[in-house]
PDB file of N, CA and C in Angstrom:
ATOM      1  N   MET A   1      -4.201  23.658  -3.881  1.00  0.00           N
ATOM      2  CA  MET A   1      -3.672  22.944  -3.789  1.00  0.00           C
ATOM      3  C   MET A   1      -2.123  23.548  -4.871  1.00  0.00           C
ATOM      4  N   GLY A   2      -0.926  23.052  -4.117  1.00  0.00           N
ATOM      5  CA  GLY A   2      -0.184  23.340  -4.988  1.00  0.00           C
ATOM      6  C   GLY A   2       0.409  22.169  -5.945  1.00  0.00           C
ATOM      7  N   ALA A   3       1.186  22.178  -7.043  1.00  0.00           N
ATOM      8  CA  ALA A   3       1.783  21.216  -7.744  1.00  0.00           C
ATOM      9  C   ALA A   3       2.358  20.299  -7.129  1.00  0.00           C
ATOM     10  N   ILE A   4       3.314  20.172  -6.382  1.00  0.00           N
ATOM     11  CA  ILE A   4       3.686  19.476  -5.213  1.00  0.00           C
ATOM     12  C   ILE A   4       2.600  18.802  -4.628  1.00  0.00           C
ATOM     13  N   GLU A   5       1.721  19.385  -3.741  1.00  0.00           N
ATOM     14  CA  GLU A   5       0.501  18.266  -3.311  1.00  0.00           C
ATOM     15  C   GLU A   5      -0.105  18.169  -3.951  1.00  0.00           C
ATOM     16  N   GLU A   6      -0.065  17.961  -5.227  1.00  0.00           N
ATOM     17  CA  GLU A   6      -0.858  17.357  -5.871  1.00  0.00           C
ATOM     18  C   GLU A   6      -0.507  15.964  -6.275  1.00  0.00           C
ATOM     19  N   GLU A   7       1.193  16.163  -6.529  1.00  0.00           N
ATOM     20  CA  GLU A   7       1.919  14.833  -7.065  1.00  0.00           C
ATOM     21  C   GLU A   7       2.040  13.983  -6.273  1.00  0.00           C
ATOM     22  N   LYS A   8       2.257  14.641  -4.390  1.00  0.00           N
ATOM     23  CA  LYS A   8       2.126  13.492  -3.354  1.00  0.00           C
ATOM     24  C   LYS A   8       0.791  12.679  -3.639  1.00  0.00           C
ATOM     25  N   ILE A   9      -0.424  13.183  -3.830  1.00  0.00           N
ATOM     26  CA  ILE A   9      -1.919  13.077  -3.702  1.00  0.00           C
ATOM     27  C   ILE A   9      -1.892  11.601  -4.706  1.00  0.00           C
ATOM     28  N   GLN A  10      -1.762  12.384  -5.981  1.00  0.00           N
ATOM     29  CA  GLN A  10      -2.075  11.114  -7.216  1.00  0.00           C
ATOM     30  C   GLN A  10      -0.616  10.019  -6.606  1.00  0.00           C
ATOM     31  N   ALA A  11       0.363  10.179  -6.021  1.00  0.00           N
ATOM     32  CA  ALA A  11       0.657   8.949  -5.931  1.00  0.00           C
ATOM     33  C   ALA A  11       0.529   8.046  -4.504  1.00  0.00           C
ATOM     34  N   ILE A  12      -0.529   8.531  -3.885  1.00  0.00           N
ATOM     35  CA  ILE A  12      -0.861   7.956  -3.316  1.00  0.00           C
ATOM     36  C   ILE A  12      -2.329   7.310  -3.348  1.00  0.00           C
ATOM     37  N   VAL A  13      -3.002   7.654  -4.014  1.00  0.00           N
ATOM     38  CA  VAL A  13      -3.974   7.334  -5.270  1.00  0.00           C
ATOM     39  C   VAL A  13      -3.782   5.755  -5.808  1.00  0.00           C
ATOM     40  N   GLN A  14      -2.333   6.412  -6.340  1.00  0.00           N
ATOM     41  CA  GLN A  14      -2.086   5.473  -7.361  1.00  0.00           C
ATOM     42  C   GLN A  14      -2.187   4.421  -6.411  1.00  0.00           C
ATOM     43  N   PHE A  15      -1.484   4.039  -5.578  1.00  0.00           N
ATOM     44  CA  PHE A  15      -0.834   3.389  -4.334  1.00  0.00           C
ATOM     45  C   PHE A  15      -1.046   2.456  -4.108  1.00  0.00           C
ATOM     46  N   ILE A  16      -2.638   3.286  -3.404  1.00  0.00           N
ATOM     47  CA  ILE A  16      -4.133   2.283  -3.107  1.00  0.00           C
ATOM     48  C   ILE A  16      -4.741   2.261  -4.278  1.00  0.00           C
ATOM     49  N   GLU A  17      -4.884   1.903  -5.423  1.00  0.00           N
ATOM     50  CA  GLU A  17      -5.236   1.286  -6.435  1.00  0.00           C
ATOM     51  C   GLU A  17      -4.609  -0.082  -6.946  1.00  0.00           C
ATOM     52  N   GLU A  18      -3.499   0.024  -6.698  1.00  0.00           N
ATOM     53  CA  GLU A  18      -2.748  -0.961  -6.939  1.00  0.00           C
ATOM     54  C   GLU A  18      -2.578  -2.069  -6.062  1.00  0.00           C
ATOM     55  N   ILE A  19      -2.414  -1.524  -4.957  1.00  0.00           N
ATOM     56  CA  ILE A  19      -2.638  -2.583  -3.454  1.00  0.00           C
ATOM     57  C   ILE A  19      -3.201  -3.785  -3.636  1.00  0.00           C
ATOM     58  N   ASP A  20      -3.408  -4.617  -3.101  1.00  0.00           N
ATOM     59  CA  ASP A  20      -4.789  -5.864  -2.939  1.00  0.00           C
ATOM     60  C   ASP A  20      -4.745  -6.195  -1.467  1.00  0.00           C
ATOM     61  N   PHE A  21      -3.778  -6.723  -0.907  1.00  0.00           N
ATOM     62  CA  PHE A  21      -3.377  -6.838   0.578  1.00  0.00           C
ATOM     63  C   PHE A  21      -2.084  -6.011   0.538  1.00  0.00           C
ATOM     64  N   GLY A  22      -2.538  -5.521   2.089  1.00  0.00           N
ATOM     65  CA  GLY A  22      -0.930  -4.916   2.661  1.00  0.00           C
ATOM     66  C   GLY A  22      -1.090  -3.524   3.488  1.00  0.00           C
ATOM     67  N   SER A  23      -0.554  -2.571   3.590  1.00  0.00           N
ATOM     68  CA  SER A  23      -0.750  -1.497   4.062  1.00  0.00           C
ATOM     69  C   SER A  23       0.009   0.048   3.583  1.00  0.00           C
ATOM     70  N   LEU A  24      -0.346   0.560   3.546  1.00  0.00           N
ATOM     71  CA  LEU A  24       0.048   1.903   3.367  1.00  0.00           C
ATOM     72  C   LEU A  24       0.577   2.760   4.387  1.00  0.00           C
ATOM     73  N   HIS A  25       1.963   3.941   4.101  1.00  0.00           N
ATOM     74  CA  HIS A  25       1.917   4.004   6.015  1.00  0.00           C
ATOM     75  C   HIS A  25       2.415   5.815   5.349  1.00  0.00           C
ATOM     76  N   ILE A  26       1.859   6.602   5.520  1.00  0.00           N
ATOM     77  CA  ILE A  26       2.221   7.944   5.514  1.00  0.00           C
ATOM     78  C   ILE A  26       3.415   8.658   6.754  1.00  0.00           C
ATOM     79  N   THR A  27       4.302   9.352   6.220  1.00  0.00           N
ATOM     80  CA  THR A  27       5.015   9.549   7.343  1.00  0.00           C
ATOM     81  C   THR A  27       4.942  11.496   7.062  1.00  0.00           C
ATOM     82  N   ILE A  28       4.895  12.239   8.110  1.00  0.00           N
ATOM     83  CA  ILE A  28       4.653  13.730   8.033  1.00  0.00           C
ATOM     84  C   ILE A  28       5.634  14.299   8.783  1.00  0.00           C
ATOM     85  N   HIS A  29       5.953  15.070   8.116  1.00  0.00           N
ATOM     86  CA  HIS A  29       7.246  16.184   9.280  1.00  0.00           C
ATOM     87  C   HIS A  29       6.779  17.542   8.880  1.00  0.00           C
ATOM     88  N   ASN A  30       6.800  18.252  10.028  1.00  0.00           N
ATOM     89  CA  ASN A  30       5.641  19.716  10.063  1.00  0.00           C
ATOM     90  C   ASN A  30       4.885  19.609   9.332  1.00  0.00           C
ATOM     91  N   GLY A  31       3.567  19.360   9.301  1.00  0.00           N
ATOM     92  CA  GLY A  31       2.613  19.403   8.536  1.00  0.00           C
ATOM     93  C   GLY A  31       3.355  19.094   7.376  1.00  0.00           C
ATOM     94  N   GLN A  32       3.752  18.473   6.567  1.00  0.00           N
ATOM     95  CA  GLN A  32       3.952  18.013   5.211  1.00  0.00           C
ATOM     96  C   GLN A  32       4.319  16.187   4.764  1.00  0.00           C
ATOM     97  N   ILE A  33       3.990  15.983   3.852  1.00  0.00           N
ATOM     98  CA  ILE A  33       4.115  14.771   3.483  1.00  0.00           C
ATOM     99  C   ILE A  33       5.443  14.568   3.213  1.00  0.00           C
ATOM    100  N   THR A  34       6.121  13.866   3.704  1.00  0.00           N
ATOM    101  CA  THR A  34       7.594  13.568   3.245  1.00  0.00           C
ATOM    102  C   THR A  34       7.819  11.897   2.936  1.00  0.00           C
ATOM    103  N   GLN A  35       7.202  11.333   2.785  1.00  0.00           N
ATOM    104  CA  GLN A  35       7.577   9.603   2.929  1.00  0.00           C
ATOM    105  C   GLN A  35       6.413   8.630   2.768  1.00  0.00           C
ATOM    106  N   ILE A  36       6.183   8.345   1.752  1.00  0.00           N
ATOM    107  CA  ILE A  36       4.847   7.464   1.846  1.00  0.00           C
ATOM    108  C   ILE A  36       5.603   5.792   1.388  1.00  0.00           C
ATOM    109  N   GLU A  37       5.427   4.819   2.418  1.00  0.00           N
ATOM    110  CA  GLU A  37       5.797   3.176   2.435  1.00  0.00           C
ATOM    111  C   GLU A  37       4.482   2.341   1.936  1.00  0.00           C
ATOM    112  N   ARG A  38       4.853   1.546   0.999  1.00  0.00           N
ATOM    113  CA  ARG A  38       3.619   0.089   0.946  1.00  0.00           C
ATOM    114  C   ARG A  38       4.733  -0.665   0.803  1.00  0.00           C
ATOM    115  N   THR A  39       3.645  -1.837   1.981  1.00  0.00           N
ATOM    116  CA  THR A  39       4.144  -3.053   2.299  1.00  0.00           C
ATOM    117  C   THR A  39       2.401  -3.842   1.911  1.00  0.00           C
ATOM    118  N   GLU A  40       3.400  -4.805   0.615  1.00  0.00           N
ATOM    119  CA  GLU A  40       2.202  -4.955  -0.156  1.00  0.00           C
ATOM    120  C   GLU A  40       2.017  -7.268   0.106  1.00  0.00           C
ATOM    121  N   LYS A  41       0.888  -7.491   0.179  1.00  0.00           N
ATOM    122  CA  LYS A  41       1.683  -8.727   0.559  1.00  0.00           C
ATOM    123  C   LYS A  41       0.939 -10.042  -0.075  1.00  0.00           C
ATOM    124  N   LYS A  42       1.394 -10.716  -0.809  1.00  0.00           N
ATOM    125  CA  LYS A  42       0.198 -11.720  -1.120  1.00  0.00           C
ATOM    126  C   LYS A  42       0.295 -12.990  -0.578  1.00  0.00           C
ATOM    127  N   ARG A  43      -1.384 -13.620  -0.905  1.00  0.00           N
ATOM    128  CA  ARG A  43      -1.963 -14.685  -0.294  1.00  0.00           C
ATOM    129  C   ARG A  43      -2.096 -15.428  -1.644  1.00  0.00           C
ATOM    130  N   PHE A  44      -1.981 -16.610  -0.655  1.00  0.00           N
ATOM    131  CA  PHE A  44      -2.061 -17.712  -1.505  1.00  0.00           C
ATOM    132  C   PHE A  44      -3.591 -18.199  -0.859  1.00  0.00           C
ATOM    133  N   GLU A  45      -3.992 -19.500  -1.864  1.00  0.00           N
ATOM    134  CA  GLU A  45      -5.602 -20.493  -1.396  1.00  0.00           C
ATOM    135  C   GLU A  45      -4.465 -21.226  -0.540  1.00  0.00           C
ATOM    136  N   ASN A  46      -5.377 -21.526   0.694  1.00  0.00           N
ATOM    137  CA  ASN A  46      -4.939 -22.832   1.512  1.00  0.00           C
ATOM    138  C   ASN A  46      -5.526 -24.106   0.520  1.00  0.00           C
ATOM    139  N   VAL A  47      -4.761 -25.225  -0.155  1.00  0.00           N
ATOM    140  CA  VAL A  47      -5.263 -25.762  -0.764  1.00  0.00           C
ATOM    141  C   VAL A  47      -5.192 -27.713   0.432  1.00  0.00           C
ATOM    142  N   LYS A  48      -5.834 -28.321   0.905  1.00  0.00           N
ATOM    143  CA  LYS A  48      -6.300 -28.692   1.535  1.00  0.00           C
ATOM    144  C   LYS A  48      -5.035 -30.851   1.308  1.00  0.00           C
ATOM    145  N   LYS A  49      -4.753 -30.754   2.139  1.00  0.00           N
ATOM    146  CA  LYS A  49      -3.779 -31.829   1.816  1.00  0.00           C
ATOM    147  C   LYS A  49      -4.305 -33.225   2.135  1.00  0.00           C
ATOM    148  N   GLN A  50      -4.385 -34.300   0.949  1.00  0.00           N
ATOM    149  CA  GLN A  50      -4.972 -34.926   1.606  1.00  0.00           C
ATOM    150  C   GLN A  50      -4.642 -36.353   2.288  1.00  0.00           C
ATOM    151  N   LYS A  51      -5.298 -36.573   3.350  1.00  0.00           N
ATOM    152  CA  LYS A  51      -4.140 -37.705   4.051  1.00  0.00           C
ATOM    153  C   LYS A  51      -3.861 -39.311   3.049  1.00  0.00           C
ATOM    154  N   VAL A  52      -2.575 -39.458   3.750  1.00  0.00           N
ATOM    155  CA  VAL A  52      -2.076 -40.887   3.393  1.00  0.00           C
ATOM    156  C   VAL A  52      -2.275 -41.808   3.939  1.00  0.00           C
ATOM    157  N   LYS A  53      -3.201 -42.857   3.357  1.00  0.00           N
ATOM    158  CA  LYS A  53      -3.599 -44.266   4.252  1.00  0.00           C
ATOM    159  C   LYS A  53      -2.827 -45.185   3.731  1.00  0.00           C
TER     160      LYS A  53
END
């Protein structure tokens, strides 16, 4: 595996390790990785509201 390909693989692994919720989109043209997009989501816990009497 060439140095350029290894760099791309390392970037993908790093994105996977850093993301908690979301997606990773890898774009390939002519058999080569040309772009990596990361969409990350932030999740908040639902806190139940108390009913006002």
